[in-house]
């Protein structure tokens, strides 16, 4: 007896391996392209966050100087390098570093993103610090009568933000790319 094959074969529902791999490849390619375009946005958000943290530390140092009626400093964790993070402290021996036994009031930004640049242009450019006197005015270590004012520029990739510290201690944030000479 001879049987003929059925006229209608039923195909199983699902995807073949080739279809699955092709779909995975397309999704991967689209995702990689999308994530690469987010890099400047991520850098911008990181810079904004760092500037906000530094601004907060400056405000804290100024507030503590007024509250405690004595000079309070904002110092880098590693001597001379803001990228190591920063602390608000009472630098009792005036050496612009945090020594054992000195009162540390607040620390911020322990680990900065790789590639972050921080450039300070202040009145006293020989040392890396910011100090406030009991009236809340910025001052140099050499003299309370000499104000410590200028700017601190944060850069990550193409993203930049600048903190400008005024003669009387007012701090403002600006975007050098958007604000131009006013920054």
C-alpha atoms as a PDB file:
ATOM      1  CA  UNK A   1       0.000   0.000   0.000  1.00  0.00           C
ATOM      2  CA  UNK A   2       1.255   3.321  -1.000  1.00  0.00           C
ATOM      3  CA  UNK A   3       0.477   6.429   1.012  1.00  0.00           C
ATOM      4  CA  UNK A   4       0.904   9.872  -0.375  1.00  0.00           C
ATOM      5  CA  UNK A   5       2.205  12.762   1.717  1.00  0.00           C
ATOM      6  CA  UNK A   6      -0.424  15.005   3.195  1.00  0.00           C
ATOM      7  CA  UNK A   7      -1.345  17.960   1.075  1.00  0.00           C
ATOM      8  CA  UNK A   8      -1.138  20.466   3.927  1.00  0.00           C
ATOM      9  CA  UNK A   9       1.865  20.262   6.230  1.00  0.00           C
ATOM     10  CA  UNK A  10       1.581  22.212   9.430  1.00  0.00           C
ATOM     11  CA  UNK A  11       4.583  24.327  10.242  1.00  0.00           C
ATOM     12  CA  UNK A  12       5.403  24.864  13.899  1.00  0.00           C
ATOM     13  CA  UNK A  13       5.016  28.441  15.164  1.00  0.00           C
ATOM     14  CA  UNK A  14       8.199  30.226  16.341  1.00  0.00           C
ATOM     15  CA  UNK A  15      11.405  31.758  15.114  1.00  0.00           C
ATOM     16  CA  UNK A  16      14.304  30.148  13.392  1.00  0.00           C
ATOM     17  CA  UNK A  17      17.794  30.616  14.771  1.00  0.00           C
ATOM     18  CA  UNK A  18      18.685  32.901  11.853  1.00  0.00           C
ATOM     19  CA  UNK A  19      15.679  35.148  12.528  1.00  0.00           C
ATOM     20  CA  UNK A  20      16.514  35.313  16.221  1.00  0.00           C
ATOM     21  CA  UNK A  21      20.182  36.203  15.599  1.00  0.00           C
ATOM     22  CA  UNK A  22      19.260  38.836  13.024  1.00  0.00           C
ATOM     23  CA  UNK A  23      16.809  40.470  15.441  1.00  0.00           C
ATOM     24  CA  UNK A  24      19.386  40.429  18.258  1.00  0.00           C
ATOM     25  CA  UNK A  25      21.972  42.042  15.952  1.00  0.00           C
ATOM     26  CA  UNK A  26      19.585  44.822  14.912  1.00  0.00           C
ATOM     27  CA  UNK A  27      18.612  45.568  18.529  1.00  0.00           C
ATOM     28  CA  UNK A  28      22.277  45.640  19.588  1.00  0.00           C
ATOM     29  CA  UNK A  29      23.223  48.005  16.756  1.00  0.00           C
ATOM     30  CA  UNK A  30      20.362  50.386  17.543  1.00  0.00           C
ATOM     31  CA  UNK A  31      21.115  50.354  21.270  1.00  0.00           C
ATOM     32  CA  UNK A  32      24.829  51.026  20.747  1.00  0.00           C
ATOM     33  CA  UNK A  33      24.072  53.978  18.491  1.00  0.00           C
ATOM     34  CA  UNK A  34      21.576  55.394  20.954  1.00  0.00           C
ATOM     35  CA  UNK A  35      23.871  55.042  23.972  1.00  0.00           C
ATOM     36  CA  UNK A  36      26.752  56.727  22.148  1.00  0.00           C
ATOM     37  CA  UNK A  37      24.565  59.748  21.472  1.00  0.00           C
ATOM     38  CA  UNK A  38      23.808  60.014  25.209  1.00  0.00           C
ATOM     39  CA  UNK A  39      27.490  60.458  26.196  1.00  0.00           C
ATOM     40  CA  UNK A  40      27.398  64.295  26.063  1.00  0.00           C
ATOM     41  CA  UNK A  41      24.166  64.320  28.058  1.00  0.00           C
ATOM     42  CA  UNK A  42      25.695  62.065  30.715  1.00  0.00           C
ATOM     43  CA  UNK A  43      28.847  64.239  30.861  1.00  0.00           C
ATOM     44  CA  UNK A  44      26.717  67.372  31.213  1.00  0.00           C
ATOM     45  CA  UNK A  45      24.733  65.864  34.082  1.00  0.00           C
ATOM     46  CA  UNK A  46      27.946  64.776  35.824  1.00  0.00           C
ATOM     47  CA  UNK A  47      29.460  68.268  35.535  1.00  0.00           C
ATOM     48  CA  UNK A  48      26.250  69.878  36.804  1.00  0.00           C
ATOM     49  CA  UNK A  49      26.237  67.474  39.758  1.00  0.00           C
ATOM     50  CA  UNK A  50      29.899  68.176  40.599  1.00  0.00           C
ATOM     51  CA  UNK A  51      29.381  71.930  40.415  1.00  0.00           C
ATOM     52  CA  UNK A  52      26.313  71.650  42.652  1.00  0.00           C
ATOM     53  CA  UNK A  53      28.311  69.638  45.198  1.00  0.00           C
ATOM     54  CA  UNK A  54      31.203  72.136  45.135  1.00  0.00           C
ATOM     55  CA  UNK A  55      28.765  75.068  45.397  1.00  0.00           C
ATOM     56  CA  UNK A  56      27.115  73.382  48.364  1.00  0.00           C
ATOM     57  CA  UNK A  57      30.505  72.901  50.047  1.00  0.00           C
ATOM     58  CA  UNK A  58      31.353  76.584  49.454  1.00  0.00           C
ATOM     59  CA  UNK A  59      28.040  77.638  50.971  1.00  0.00           C
ATOM     60  CA  UNK A  60      28.637  75.336  53.913  1.00  0.00           C
ATOM     61  CA  UNK A  61      32.125  76.772  54.499  1.00  0.00           C
ATOM     62  CA  UNK A  62      30.777  80.322  54.377  1.00  0.00           C
ATOM     63  CA  UNK A  63      27.889  79.483  56.709  1.00  0.00           C
ATOM     64  CA  UNK A  64      30.178  77.715  59.201  1.00  0.00           C
ATOM     65  CA  UNK A  65      32.609  80.660  59.219  1.00  0.00           C
ATOM     66  CA  UNK A  66      29.784  83.025  60.174  1.00  0.00           C
ATOM     67  CA  UNK A  67      28.242  80.594  62.660  1.00  0.00           C
ATOM     68  CA  UNK A  68      31.525  79.727  64.396  1.00  0.00           C
ATOM     69  CA  UNK A  69      32.918  83.271  64.144  1.00  0.00           C
ATOM     70  CA  UNK A  70      36.232  82.048  62.767  1.00  0.00           C
ATOM     71  CA  UNK A  71      37.932  81.282  59.481  1.00  0.00           C
ATOM     72  CA  UNK A  72      36.728  78.096  57.751  1.00  0.00           C
ATOM     73  CA  UNK A  73      38.416  76.616  54.677  1.00  0.00           C
ATOM     74  CA  UNK A  74      37.369  74.508  51.717  1.00  0.00           C
ATOM     75  CA  UNK A  75      40.375  72.296  50.979  1.00  0.00           C
ATOM     76  CA  UNK A  76      41.161  69.549  48.478  1.00  0.00           C
ATOM     77  CA  UNK A  77      41.487  66.090  50.046  1.00  0.00           C
ATOM     78  CA  UNK A  78      44.862  65.577  48.335  1.00  0.00           C
ATOM     79  CA  UNK A  79      47.082  68.640  48.628  1.00  0.00           C
ATOM     80  CA  UNK A  80      46.788  70.860  45.563  1.00  0.00           C
ATOM     81  CA  UNK A  81      44.317  68.708  43.601  1.00  0.00           C
ATOM     82  CA  UNK A  82      40.571  69.393  43.648  1.00  0.00           C
ATOM     83  CA  UNK A  83      39.989  66.178  41.655  1.00  0.00           C
ATOM     84  CA  UNK A  84      40.641  64.209  44.848  1.00  0.00           C
ATOM     85  CA  UNK A  85      37.480  65.649  46.379  1.00  0.00           C
ATOM     86  CA  UNK A  86      37.101  68.429  48.936  1.00  0.00           C
ATOM     87  CA  UNK A  87      36.376  69.010  52.592  1.00  0.00           C
ATOM     88  CA  UNK A  88      35.153  71.913  54.681  1.00  0.00           C
ATOM     89  CA  UNK A  89      37.495  72.139  57.653  1.00  0.00           C
ATOM     90  CA  UNK A  90      39.010  74.398  60.248  1.00  0.00           C
ATOM     91  CA  UNK A  91      42.658  74.559  59.190  1.00  0.00           C
ATOM     92  CA  UNK A  92      44.101  75.588  62.547  1.00  0.00           C
ATOM     93  CA  UNK A  93      47.748  75.658  61.402  1.00  0.00           C
ATOM     94  CA  UNK A  94      47.039  77.481  58.078  1.00  0.00           C
ATOM     95  CA  UNK A  95      48.876  74.997  55.866  1.00  0.00           C
ATOM     96  CA  UNK A  96      45.978  74.390  53.425  1.00  0.00           C
ATOM     97  CA  UNK A  97      45.835  70.672  54.132  1.00  0.00           C
ATOM     98  CA  UNK A  98      43.765  68.534  56.425  1.00  0.00           C
ATOM     99  CA  UNK A  99      45.986  67.324  59.247  1.00  0.00           C
ATOM    100  CA  UNK A 100      45.273  64.900  62.077  1.00  0.00           C
ATOM    101  CA  UNK A 101      43.330  66.573  64.837  1.00  0.00           C
ATOM    102  CA  UNK A 102      41.820  69.319  62.666  1.00  0.00           C
ATOM    103  CA  UNK A 103      38.056  69.607  62.671  1.00  0.00           C
ATOM    104  CA  UNK A 104      36.504  68.376  59.402  1.00  0.00           C
ATOM    105  CA  UNK A 105      32.940  69.629  59.060  1.00  0.00           C
ATOM    106  CA  UNK A 106      31.924  68.133  55.715  1.00  0.00           C
ATOM    107  CA  UNK A 107      33.456  66.245  52.788  1.00  0.00           C
ATOM    108  CA  UNK A 108      32.088  65.874  49.268  1.00  0.00           C
ATOM    109  CA  UNK A 109      32.743  64.296  45.851  1.00  0.00           C
ATOM    110  CA  UNK A 110      35.034  61.463  46.905  1.00  0.00           C
ATOM    111  CA  UNK A 111      35.389  59.949  43.430  1.00  0.00           C
ATOM    112  CA  UNK A 112      35.218  62.188  40.387  1.00  0.00           C
ATOM    113  CA  UNK A 113      34.512  60.745  36.930  1.00  0.00           C
ATOM    114  CA  UNK A 114      37.626  59.897  34.909  1.00  0.00           C
ATOM    115  CA  UNK A 115      38.705  62.784  32.711  1.00  0.00           C
ATOM    116  CA  UNK A 116      37.335  65.504  34.994  1.00  0.00           C
ATOM    117  CA  UNK A 117      39.392  68.701  34.985  1.00  0.00           C
ATOM    118  CA  UNK A 118      39.103  71.372  37.671  1.00  0.00           C
ATOM    119  CA  UNK A 119      40.932  74.656  37.154  1.00  0.00           C
ATOM    120  CA  UNK A 120      40.900  77.360  39.821  1.00  0.00           C
ATOM    121  CA  UNK A 121      41.863  80.953  39.025  1.00  0.00           C
ATOM    122  CA  UNK A 122      41.887  82.774  42.334  1.00  0.00           C
ATOM    123  CA  UNK A 123      43.561  85.841  43.858  1.00  0.00           C
ATOM    124  CA  UNK A 124      46.005  83.648  45.794  1.00  0.00           C
ATOM    125  CA  UNK A 125      46.966  81.290  42.989  1.00  0.00           C
ATOM    126  CA  UNK A 126      50.010  79.844  44.787  1.00  0.00           C
ATOM    127  CA  UNK A 127      47.858  77.552  46.899  1.00  0.00           C
ATOM    128  CA  UNK A 128      44.748  75.457  46.364  1.00  0.00           C
ATOM    129  CA  UNK A 129      42.108  76.467  48.907  1.00  0.00           C
ATOM    130  CA  UNK A 130      39.134  78.729  49.528  1.00  0.00           C
ATOM    131  CA  UNK A 131      38.658  80.385  52.910  1.00  0.00           C
ATOM    132  CA  UNK A 132      35.927  82.485  54.502  1.00  0.00           C
ATOM    133  CA  UNK A 133      36.319  84.877  57.433  1.00  0.00           C
ATOM    134  CA  UNK A 134      33.794  85.314  60.284  1.00  0.00           C
ATOM    135  CA  UNK A 135      31.806  87.852  58.249  1.00  0.00           C
ATOM    136  CA  UNK A 136      31.359  85.328  55.401  1.00  0.00           C
ATOM    137  CA  UNK A 137      33.747  87.093  53.048  1.00  0.00           C
ATOM    138  CA  UNK A 138      36.330  85.115  51.103  1.00  0.00           C
ATOM    139  CA  UNK A 139      39.883  85.753  52.261  1.00  0.00           C
ATOM    140  CA  UNK A 140      43.443  84.684  51.625  1.00  0.00           C
ATOM    141  CA  UNK A 141      45.488  82.850  54.214  1.00  0.00           C
ATOM    142  CA  UNK A 142      47.958  85.744  54.291  1.00  0.00           C
ATOM    143  CA  UNK A 143      45.411  88.324  55.432  1.00  0.00           C
ATOM    144  CA  UNK A 144      41.747  88.690  56.246  1.00  0.00           C
ATOM    145  CA  UNK A 145      41.924  92.077  54.517  1.00  0.00           C
ATOM    146  CA  UNK A 146      42.841  90.521  51.149  1.00  0.00           C
ATOM    147  CA  UNK A 147      39.835  88.870  49.480  1.00  0.00           C
ATOM    148  CA  UNK A 148      40.167  85.477  47.801  1.00  0.00           C
ATOM    149  CA  UNK A 149      37.974  85.727  44.709  1.00  0.00           C
ATOM    150  CA  UNK A 150      38.020  84.313  41.189  1.00  0.00           C
ATOM    151  CA  UNK A 151      36.597  81.244  39.490  1.00  0.00           C
ATOM    152  CA  UNK A 152      36.692  77.460  39.434  1.00  0.00           C
ATOM    153  CA  UNK A 153      36.117  75.796  36.057  1.00  0.00           C
ATOM    154  CA  UNK A 154      34.840  72.209  35.831  1.00  0.00           C
ATOM    155  CA  UNK A 155      35.273  70.312  32.549  1.00  0.00           C
ATOM    156  CA  UNK A 156      34.353  66.788  31.498  1.00  0.00           C
ATOM    157  CA  UNK A 157      34.619  66.060  27.791  1.00  0.00           C
ATOM    158  CA  UNK A 158      33.089  69.041  25.996  1.00  0.00           C
ATOM    159  CA  UNK A 159      30.922  70.013  28.969  1.00  0.00           C
ATOM    160  CA  UNK A 160      31.981  72.998  31.110  1.00  0.00           C
ATOM    161  CA  UNK A 161      30.573  74.897  34.068  1.00  0.00           C
ATOM    162  CA  UNK A 162      32.172  77.661  36.067  1.00  0.00           C
ATOM    163  CA  UNK A 163      31.705  78.808  39.653  1.00  0.00           C
ATOM    164  CA  UNK A 164      32.479  82.492  40.072  1.00  0.00           C
ATOM    165  CA  UNK A 165      33.286  83.642  43.608  1.00  0.00           C
ATOM    166  CA  UNK A 166      32.783  87.372  44.036  1.00  0.00           C
ATOM    167  CA  UNK A 167      34.660  89.899  46.145  1.00  0.00           C
ATOM    168  CA  UNK A 168      32.058  89.689  48.932  1.00  0.00           C
ATOM    169  CA  UNK A 169      31.641  85.912  48.804  1.00  0.00           C
ATOM    170  CA  UNK A 170      28.655  85.636  46.499  1.00  0.00           C
ATOM    171  CA  UNK A 171      28.904  82.473  44.405  1.00  0.00           C
ATOM    172  CA  UNK A 172      27.223  82.063  41.038  1.00  0.00           C
ATOM    173  CA  UNK A 173      27.279  79.302  38.438  1.00  0.00           C
ATOM    174  CA  UNK A 174      27.578  79.999  34.735  1.00  0.00           C
ATOM    175  CA  UNK A 175      28.051  78.122  31.471  1.00  0.00           C
ATOM    176  CA  UNK A 176      31.048  79.538  29.539  1.00  0.00           C
ATOM    177  CA  UNK A 177      29.714  78.158  26.251  1.00  0.00           C
ATOM    178  CA  UNK A 178      26.306  79.779  26.672  1.00  0.00           C
ATOM    179  CA  UNK A 179      27.130  82.914  28.672  1.00  0.00           C
ATOM    180  CA  UNK A 180      30.352  83.893  26.892  1.00  0.00           C
ATOM    181  CA  UNK A 181      32.176  86.920  28.309  1.00  0.00           C
ATOM    182  CA  UNK A 182      29.604  87.358  31.100  1.00  0.00           C
ATOM    183  CA  UNK A 183      30.907  84.135  32.571  1.00  0.00           C
END
